Structure formats: C-alpha cells, structure tokens
Amino acid sequence: MHYGQILERLNSVDLSVIKSRGEAETKLSEYIPQFGVRQFLLKNLYWVETGQLGWRINLPVLNTEIEQILYEIKFDKITIPTLFIRGETSNYILESDFENIGEKFPDSEIHTLKNVGHWVHAEAPDEFYNLTVDFVR
C-alpha cells in the first residue's frame, strides 16, 4: 500500500536526532525522490520548541488506522459538477474506473496530468491550480 510506504518513511525521520527541516528533507530524500512530494510532507513539520521539531499529523493513529482509508463510502449518485484530477503514473484512478465514475458522478470531468503520480497538487502545482480554478469559475 502506497500510504504504508509513506508512513514508514515519515516514521524513519527520528526527530530526537534531526534538528532542522533540511536534515529532515535529506533523510526523506533517501526514499522519496520527488521534490514536490517531499515538500508537501515536510509541511507537516513544526517547531514544538526551540531545537525540537514535531509532526502536526498524528503518526501513531495513522500507523494503526491507515487501512480505514480504503473502506468504500456507499452512496447513490452525486449530481453536482465534480472534477477529478488524476496523475498519469498513479494507479488510484484507472481508465477502467471511468465508467463507474460516470455512473456515480454523472456531471463530472476527469483530467489526467502527464508524467505525474498520485500527489498531483505537489507534483504539478501550477497545472493542478489552473484546472481547479478554471473548474470553480
């Protein structure tokens, strides 16, 4: 599971040893090559006190409950305009899902960003922003 790997990497950042965001980024870069994804994850770091970083996200709960994210949310149809933005290299929304999406979201659009993974907002922020703003307008 993709999130399991991300959590493993975040847990590998020993904040009792790491004393700067730069050190945290260096540690994450060993496992997460995408600059935008690393920067997105590092936004969750904050200064608990001088010299001590902490995670804003609740890693212990995510570690034990991450599989809850995969449970299906049952609903009939969403009839308001809906935008799906997917990364071409992500396996979260596949072309084989398009028909089901069209049934559940009859007033929807699906846009695929080239050479982008699941973290579209972090990997292609300008394209993501432009698509989102255009859709909302």
N, C-alpha and C. Protein backbone atom coordinates (compact mmCIF):
# COMPACT_ATOMS: atom_id res chain seq x y z
N MET A 1 0.84 -1.18 0.00
CA MET A 1 0.00 0.00 0.00
C MET A 1 0.88 1.24 0.00
N HIS A 2 0.61 2.15 -0.87
CA HIS A 2 1.41 3.36 -1.05
C HIS A 2 1.53 4.17 0.25
N TYR A 3 0.40 4.36 0.94
CA TYR A 3 0.44 5.15 2.17
C TYR A 3 1.28 4.48 3.25
N GLY A 4 1.28 3.17 3.26
CA GLY A 4 2.11 2.46 4.22
C GLY A 4 3.58 2.79 4.03
N GLN A 5 4.01 2.88 2.78
CA GLN A 5 5.40 3.23 2.50
C GLN A 5 5.69 4.66 2.92
N ILE A 6 4.77 5.57 2.66
CA ILE A 6 4.96 6.97 3.06
C ILE A 6 5.05 7.05 4.58
N LEU A 7 4.17 6.37 5.28
CA LEU A 7 4.21 6.38 6.75
C LEU A 7 5.52 5.80 7.27
N GLU A 8 5.96 4.73 6.65
CA GLU A 8 7.24 4.13 7.04
C GLU A 8 8.37 5.15 6.92
N ARG A 9 8.36 5.90 5.85
CA ARG A 9 9.40 6.91 5.62
C ARG A 9 9.30 8.04 6.63
N LEU A 10 8.08 8.50 6.91
CA LEU A 10 7.92 9.55 7.91
C LEU A 10 8.36 9.07 9.28
N ASN A 11 8.04 7.83 9.61
CA ASN A 11 8.45 7.27 10.90
C ASN A 11 9.96 7.10 11.00
N SER A 12 10.64 7.01 9.84
CA SER A 12 12.10 6.85 9.86
C SER A 12 12.83 8.15 10.19
N VAL A 13 12.11 9.27 10.17
CA VAL A 13 12.71 10.56 10.50
C VAL A 13 12.70 10.68 12.02
N ASP A 14 13.84 10.46 12.63
CA ASP A 14 13.97 10.49 14.09
C ASP A 14 14.12 11.94 14.55
N LEU A 15 13.01 12.50 15.00
CA LEU A 15 13.01 13.91 15.38
C LEU A 15 13.73 14.19 16.68
N SER A 16 14.18 13.15 17.38
CA SER A 16 15.03 13.39 18.55
C SER A 16 16.47 13.65 18.12
N VAL A 17 16.79 13.29 16.87
CA VAL A 17 18.13 13.47 16.33
C VAL A 17 18.16 14.62 15.31
N ILE A 18 17.14 14.69 14.48
CA ILE A 18 17.08 15.69 13.41
C ILE A 18 16.74 17.04 14.00
N LYS A 19 17.54 18.04 13.68
CA LYS A 19 17.38 19.36 14.29
C LYS A 19 17.05 20.47 13.30
N SER A 20 16.78 20.10 12.03
CA SER A 20 16.40 21.13 11.06
C SER A 20 15.53 20.51 9.98
N ARG A 21 14.80 21.37 9.29
CA ARG A 21 13.99 20.90 8.17
C ARG A 21 14.88 20.34 7.07
N GLY A 22 16.04 20.96 6.89
CA GLY A 22 16.99 20.48 5.88
C GLY A 22 17.44 19.06 6.15
N GLU A 23 17.73 18.76 7.41
CA GLU A 23 18.10 17.39 7.78
C GLU A 23 16.94 16.42 7.53
N ALA A 24 15.73 16.86 7.85
CA ALA A 24 14.55 16.02 7.62
C ALA A 24 14.37 15.76 6.13
N GLU A 25 14.57 16.79 5.31
CA GLU A 25 14.44 16.61 3.87
C GLU A 25 15.50 15.65 3.35
N THR A 26 16.72 15.79 3.84
CA THR A 26 17.79 14.88 3.41
C THR A 26 17.42 13.44 3.73
N LYS A 27 16.91 13.21 4.93
CA LYS A 27 16.50 11.86 5.33
C LYS A 27 15.39 11.34 4.41
N LEU A 28 14.37 12.17 4.17
CA LEU A 28 13.27 11.73 3.31
C LEU A 28 13.71 11.52 1.87
N SER A 29 14.69 12.30 1.42
CA SER A 29 15.13 12.19 0.02
C SER A 29 15.76 10.84 -0.28
N GLU A 30 16.19 10.11 0.76
CA GLU A 30 16.72 8.77 0.57
C GLU A 30 15.65 7.83 0.03
N TYR A 31 14.39 8.13 0.33
CA TYR A 31 13.29 7.23 -0.02
C TYR A 31 12.26 7.85 -0.96
N ILE A 32 12.15 9.17 -0.94
CA ILE A 32 11.12 9.86 -1.72
C ILE A 32 11.83 10.80 -2.69
N PRO A 33 12.02 10.38 -3.94
CA PRO A 33 12.80 11.19 -4.88
C PRO A 33 12.08 12.44 -5.38
N GLN A 34 10.74 12.47 -5.34
CA GLN A 34 10.00 13.60 -5.88
C GLN A 34 10.07 14.79 -4.93
N PHE A 35 10.69 15.88 -5.41
CA PHE A 35 10.87 17.08 -4.60
C PHE A 35 9.53 17.62 -4.08
N GLY A 36 8.54 17.72 -4.96
CA GLY A 36 7.25 18.27 -4.57
C GLY A 36 6.56 17.45 -3.49
N VAL A 37 6.67 16.13 -3.58
CA VAL A 37 6.06 15.26 -2.57
C VAL A 37 6.76 15.45 -1.23
N ARG A 38 8.10 15.51 -1.26
CA ARG A 38 8.85 15.74 -0.01
C ARG A 38 8.43 17.07 0.63
N GLN A 39 8.35 18.11 -0.19
CA GLN A 39 7.98 19.42 0.35
C GLN A 39 6.58 19.39 0.94
N PHE A 40 5.67 18.70 0.28
CA PHE A 40 4.31 18.57 0.80
C PHE A 40 4.32 17.88 2.17
N LEU A 41 5.05 16.78 2.27
CA LEU A 41 5.12 16.06 3.54
C LEU A 41 5.80 16.89 4.63
N LEU A 42 6.83 17.61 4.25
CA LEU A 42 7.57 18.41 5.23
C LEU A 42 6.76 19.60 5.75
N LYS A 43 5.67 19.95 5.08
CA LYS A 43 4.80 21.00 5.61
C LYS A 43 4.17 20.58 6.94
N ASN A 44 4.22 19.29 7.21
CA ASN A 44 3.67 18.77 8.46
C ASN A 44 4.63 18.89 9.64
N LEU A 45 5.85 19.38 9.39
CA LEU A 45 6.81 19.59 10.48
C LEU A 45 6.58 20.97 11.10
N TYR A 46 6.73 21.05 12.40
CA TYR A 46 6.65 22.35 13.07
C TYR A 46 7.60 22.35 14.27
N TRP A 47 7.90 23.54 14.76
CA TRP A 47 8.78 23.66 15.92
C TRP A 47 7.94 23.53 17.19
N VAL A 48 8.12 22.43 17.91
CA VAL A 48 7.45 22.22 19.18
C VAL A 48 7.99 23.22 20.19
N GLU A 49 9.30 23.37 20.15
CA GLU A 49 10.03 24.36 20.95
C GLU A 49 11.37 24.55 20.25
N THR A 50 12.16 25.49 20.71
CA THR A 50 13.45 25.75 20.08
C THR A 50 14.28 24.47 20.04
N GLY A 51 14.70 24.09 18.83
CA GLY A 51 15.55 22.91 18.66
C GLY A 51 14.81 21.58 18.59
N GLN A 52 13.48 21.58 18.72
CA GLN A 52 12.73 20.32 18.71
C GLN A 52 11.59 20.38 17.70
N LEU A 53 11.74 19.61 16.62
CA LEU A 53 10.69 19.51 15.61
C LEU A 53 9.67 18.44 16.00
N GLY A 54 8.46 18.58 15.49
CA GLY A 54 7.41 17.59 15.70
C GLY A 54 6.55 17.49 14.46
N TRP A 55 5.77 16.44 14.38
CA TRP A 55 4.83 16.26 13.27
C TRP A 55 3.47 16.80 13.67
N ARG A 56 2.86 17.57 12.79
CA ARG A 56 1.48 18.04 13.02
C ARG A 56 0.48 16.90 12.85
N ILE A 57 0.80 15.99 11.96
CA ILE A 57 -0.10 14.85 11.73
C ILE A 57 0.08 13.85 12.86
N ASN A 58 -0.95 13.11 13.14
CA ASN A 58 -0.93 12.14 14.22
C ASN A 58 -0.42 10.79 13.69
N LEU A 59 0.91 10.68 13.59
CA LEU A 59 1.50 9.46 13.03
C LEU A 59 1.09 8.19 13.77
N PRO A 60 1.04 8.18 15.10
CA PRO A 60 0.64 6.93 15.76
C PRO A 60 -0.74 6.43 15.33
N VAL A 61 -1.70 7.34 15.19
CA VAL A 61 -3.04 6.94 14.77
C VAL A 61 -3.02 6.51 13.30
N LEU A 62 -2.34 7.27 12.46
CA LEU A 62 -2.25 6.87 11.05
C LEU A 62 -1.58 5.51 10.90
N ASN A 63 -0.57 5.25 11.70
CA ASN A 63 0.11 3.96 11.64
C ASN A 63 -0.84 2.80 11.91
N THR A 64 -1.75 2.97 12.84
CA THR A 64 -2.64 1.86 13.21
C THR A 64 -3.94 1.84 12.43
N GLU A 65 -4.37 2.98 11.89
CA GLU A 65 -5.70 3.06 11.28
C GLU A 65 -5.69 3.36 9.78
N ILE A 66 -4.54 3.35 9.13
CA ILE A 66 -4.44 3.74 7.73
C ILE A 66 -5.35 2.92 6.81
N GLU A 67 -5.57 1.68 7.12
CA GLU A 67 -6.40 0.84 6.25
C GLU A 67 -7.86 1.29 6.22
N GLN A 68 -8.29 2.07 7.22
CA GLN A 68 -9.66 2.59 7.23
C GLN A 68 -9.92 3.48 6.02
N ILE A 69 -8.87 4.08 5.48
CA ILE A 69 -8.99 4.96 4.32
C ILE A 69 -9.53 4.18 3.11
N LEU A 70 -9.26 2.91 3.07
CA LEU A 70 -9.62 2.10 1.90
C LEU A 70 -11.08 1.63 1.90
N TYR A 71 -11.79 1.80 3.00
CA TYR A 71 -13.17 1.34 3.04
C TYR A 71 -14.05 2.16 2.10
N GLU A 72 -14.94 1.49 1.43
CA GLU A 72 -15.85 2.14 0.49
C GLU A 72 -16.86 3.00 1.23
N ILE A 73 -17.10 4.17 0.70
CA ILE A 73 -18.16 5.04 1.19
C ILE A 73 -19.34 4.84 0.24
N LYS A 74 -20.42 4.30 0.74
CA LYS A 74 -21.55 3.96 -0.13
C LYS A 74 -22.44 5.18 -0.34
N PHE A 75 -22.82 5.40 -1.59
CA PHE A 75 -23.75 6.46 -1.95
C PHE A 75 -24.34 6.12 -3.31
N ASP A 76 -25.46 6.76 -3.63
CA ASP A 76 -26.11 6.51 -4.92
C ASP A 76 -25.45 7.32 -6.03
N LYS A 77 -25.72 8.62 -6.06
CA LYS A 77 -25.14 9.49 -7.09
C LYS A 77 -24.85 10.86 -6.49
N ILE A 78 -23.84 11.48 -7.03
CA ILE A 78 -23.51 12.87 -6.73
C ILE A 78 -23.82 13.63 -8.02
N THR A 79 -24.78 14.55 -7.96
CA THR A 79 -25.24 15.19 -9.19
C THR A 79 -24.71 16.62 -9.37
N ILE A 80 -23.88 17.09 -8.47
CA ILE A 80 -23.30 18.42 -8.65
C ILE A 80 -22.05 18.29 -9.53
N PRO A 81 -21.67 19.35 -10.22
CA PRO A 81 -20.45 19.28 -11.03
C PRO A 81 -19.25 18.85 -10.19
N THR A 82 -18.50 17.91 -10.70
CA THR A 82 -17.39 17.32 -9.96
C THR A 82 -16.18 17.20 -10.88
N LEU A 83 -15.03 17.55 -10.35
CA LEU A 83 -13.78 17.46 -11.10
C LEU A 83 -12.88 16.40 -10.49
N PHE A 84 -12.39 15.48 -11.31
CA PHE A 84 -11.39 14.51 -10.90
C PHE A 84 -10.09 14.88 -11.62
N ILE A 85 -9.03 15.03 -10.86
CA ILE A 85 -7.72 15.29 -11.44
C ILE A 85 -6.84 14.11 -11.04
N ARG A 86 -6.32 13.42 -12.02
CA ARG A 86 -5.51 12.24 -11.73
C ARG A 86 -4.15 12.38 -12.37
N GLY A 87 -3.18 11.71 -11.77
CA GLY A 87 -1.85 11.66 -12.33
C GLY A 87 -1.73 10.48 -13.28
N GLU A 88 -1.08 10.70 -14.39
CA GLU A 88 -0.92 9.65 -15.40
C GLU A 88 -0.22 8.41 -14.84
N THR A 89 0.75 8.60 -13.94
CA THR A 89 1.51 7.46 -13.43
C THR A 89 0.96 6.91 -12.12
N SER A 90 -0.17 7.44 -11.67
CA SER A 90 -0.81 6.96 -10.45
C SER A 90 -1.74 5.80 -10.79
N ASN A 91 -1.91 4.90 -9.83
CA ASN A 91 -2.85 3.80 -10.04
C ASN A 91 -4.11 3.96 -9.20
N TYR A 92 -4.40 5.19 -8.79
CA TYR A 92 -5.58 5.44 -7.95
C TYR A 92 -6.86 5.58 -8.78
N ILE A 93 -6.79 6.28 -9.89
CA ILE A 93 -7.94 6.36 -10.81
C ILE A 93 -7.45 5.80 -12.14
N LEU A 94 -7.96 4.63 -12.49
CA LEU A 94 -7.57 3.97 -13.73
C LEU A 94 -8.61 4.24 -14.81
N GLU A 95 -8.22 4.08 -16.05
CA GLU A 95 -9.19 4.26 -17.14
C GLU A 95 -10.36 3.30 -16.98
N SER A 96 -10.10 2.14 -16.40
CA SER A 96 -11.18 1.18 -16.17
C SER A 96 -12.18 1.68 -15.12
N ASP A 97 -11.84 2.73 -14.37
CA ASP A 97 -12.74 3.31 -13.37
C ASP A 97 -13.66 4.37 -13.97
N PHE A 98 -13.35 4.85 -15.16
CA PHE A 98 -14.07 5.97 -15.74
C PHE A 98 -15.58 5.72 -15.84
N GLU A 99 -15.95 4.52 -16.27
CA GLU A 99 -17.38 4.23 -16.43
C GLU A 99 -18.10 4.31 -15.09
N ASN A 100 -17.52 3.71 -14.06
CA ASN A 100 -18.13 3.75 -12.73
C ASN A 100 -18.19 5.18 -12.20
N ILE A 101 -17.15 5.95 -12.44
CA ILE A 101 -17.16 7.36 -12.01
C ILE A 101 -18.29 8.09 -12.72
N GLY A 102 -18.44 7.85 -14.02
CA GLY A 102 -19.51 8.49 -14.77
C GLY A 102 -20.90 8.13 -14.26
N GLU A 103 -21.07 6.91 -13.78
CA GLU A 103 -22.36 6.49 -13.22
C GLU A 103 -22.62 7.16 -11.88
N LYS A 104 -21.61 7.21 -11.02
CA LYS A 104 -21.77 7.78 -9.68
C LYS A 104 -21.73 9.30 -9.67
N PHE A 105 -21.02 9.88 -10.64
CA PHE A 105 -20.87 11.33 -10.76
C PHE A 105 -21.23 11.73 -12.20
N PRO A 106 -22.53 11.75 -12.54
CA PRO A 106 -22.91 11.97 -13.93
C PRO A 106 -22.51 13.34 -14.50
N ASP A 107 -22.29 14.33 -13.65
CA ASP A 107 -21.87 15.66 -14.12
C ASP A 107 -20.40 15.86 -13.73
N SER A 108 -19.53 14.98 -14.24
CA SER A 108 -18.13 15.05 -13.83
C SER A 108 -17.20 15.16 -15.03
N GLU A 109 -16.01 15.64 -14.73
CA GLU A 109 -14.91 15.71 -15.70
C GLU A 109 -13.72 14.98 -15.08
N ILE A 110 -12.94 14.32 -15.92
CA ILE A 110 -11.71 13.68 -15.47
C ILE A 110 -10.57 14.25 -16.29
N HIS A 111 -9.58 14.82 -15.61
CA HIS A 111 -8.39 15.35 -16.28
C HIS A 111 -7.18 14.55 -15.83
N THR A 112 -6.34 14.21 -16.77
CA THR A 112 -5.12 13.46 -16.47
C THR A 112 -3.92 14.35 -16.70
N LEU A 113 -3.08 14.48 -15.67
CA LEU A 113 -1.85 15.25 -15.77
C LEU A 113 -0.72 14.30 -16.17
N LYS A 114 -0.03 14.63 -17.25
CA LYS A 114 1.04 13.81 -17.79
C LYS A 114 2.25 13.77 -16.86
N ASN A 115 2.88 12.61 -16.78
CA ASN A 115 4.12 12.41 -16.00
C ASN A 115 3.97 12.82 -14.54
N VAL A 116 2.80 12.58 -13.97
CA VAL A 116 2.51 12.95 -12.59
C VAL A 116 1.95 11.72 -11.88
N GLY A 117 2.30 11.57 -10.59
CA GLY A 117 1.79 10.47 -9.79
C GLY A 117 0.52 10.86 -9.05
N HIS A 118 0.30 10.25 -7.90
CA HIS A 118 -0.92 10.47 -7.12
C HIS A 118 -0.98 11.86 -6.50
N TRP A 119 0.13 12.41 -6.12
CA TRP A 119 0.17 13.68 -5.38
C TRP A 119 0.16 14.84 -6.38
N VAL A 120 -0.92 14.95 -7.14
CA VAL A 120 -0.97 15.91 -8.25
C VAL A 120 -0.74 17.35 -7.78
N HIS A 121 -1.26 17.70 -6.62
CA HIS A 121 -1.12 19.07 -6.11
C HIS A 121 0.33 19.38 -5.74
N ALA A 122 1.11 18.36 -5.40
CA ALA A 122 2.51 18.57 -5.03
C ALA A 122 3.44 18.40 -6.22
N GLU A 123 3.10 17.51 -7.14
CA GLU A 123 3.98 17.22 -8.27
C GLU A 123 3.77 18.15 -9.46
N ALA A 124 2.57 18.69 -9.59
CA ALA A 124 2.27 19.61 -10.70
C ALA A 124 1.38 20.74 -10.17
N PRO A 125 1.91 21.54 -9.25
CA PRO A 125 1.06 22.53 -8.57
C PRO A 125 0.43 23.56 -9.51
N ASP A 126 1.14 24.01 -10.51
CA ASP A 126 0.58 25.01 -11.42
C ASP A 126 -0.57 24.44 -12.24
N GLU A 127 -0.36 23.26 -12.80
CA GLU A 127 -1.42 22.62 -13.58
C GLU A 127 -2.63 22.31 -12.70
N PHE A 128 -2.37 21.81 -11.51
CA PHE A 128 -3.45 21.50 -10.57
C PHE A 128 -4.24 22.76 -10.24
N TYR A 129 -3.53 23.82 -9.93
CA TYR A 129 -4.17 25.09 -9.58
C TYR A 129 -5.02 25.60 -10.74
N ASN A 130 -4.45 25.62 -11.93
CA ASN A 130 -5.18 26.15 -13.10
C ASN A 130 -6.44 25.34 -13.40
N LEU A 131 -6.34 24.02 -13.36
CA LEU A 131 -7.52 23.18 -13.59
C LEU A 131 -8.59 23.44 -12.54
N THR A 132 -8.17 23.53 -11.29
CA THR A 132 -9.11 23.72 -10.19
C THR A 132 -9.79 25.08 -10.29
N VAL A 133 -9.02 26.13 -10.51
CA VAL A 133 -9.60 27.47 -10.60
C VAL A 133 -10.53 27.58 -11.81
N ASP A 134 -10.12 27.04 -12.95
CA ASP A 134 -10.98 27.07 -14.13
C ASP A 134 -12.30 26.33 -13.86
N PHE A 135 -12.23 25.20 -13.17
CA PHE A 135 -13.43 24.43 -12.87
C PHE A 135 -14.35 25.20 -11.93
N VAL A 136 -13.78 25.80 -10.91
CA VAL A 136 -14.60 26.52 -9.93
C VAL A 136 -15.26 27.74 -10.56
N ARG A 137 -14.56 28.39 -11.47
CA ARG A 137 -15.14 29.56 -12.15
C ARG A 137 -16.30 29.13 -13.01
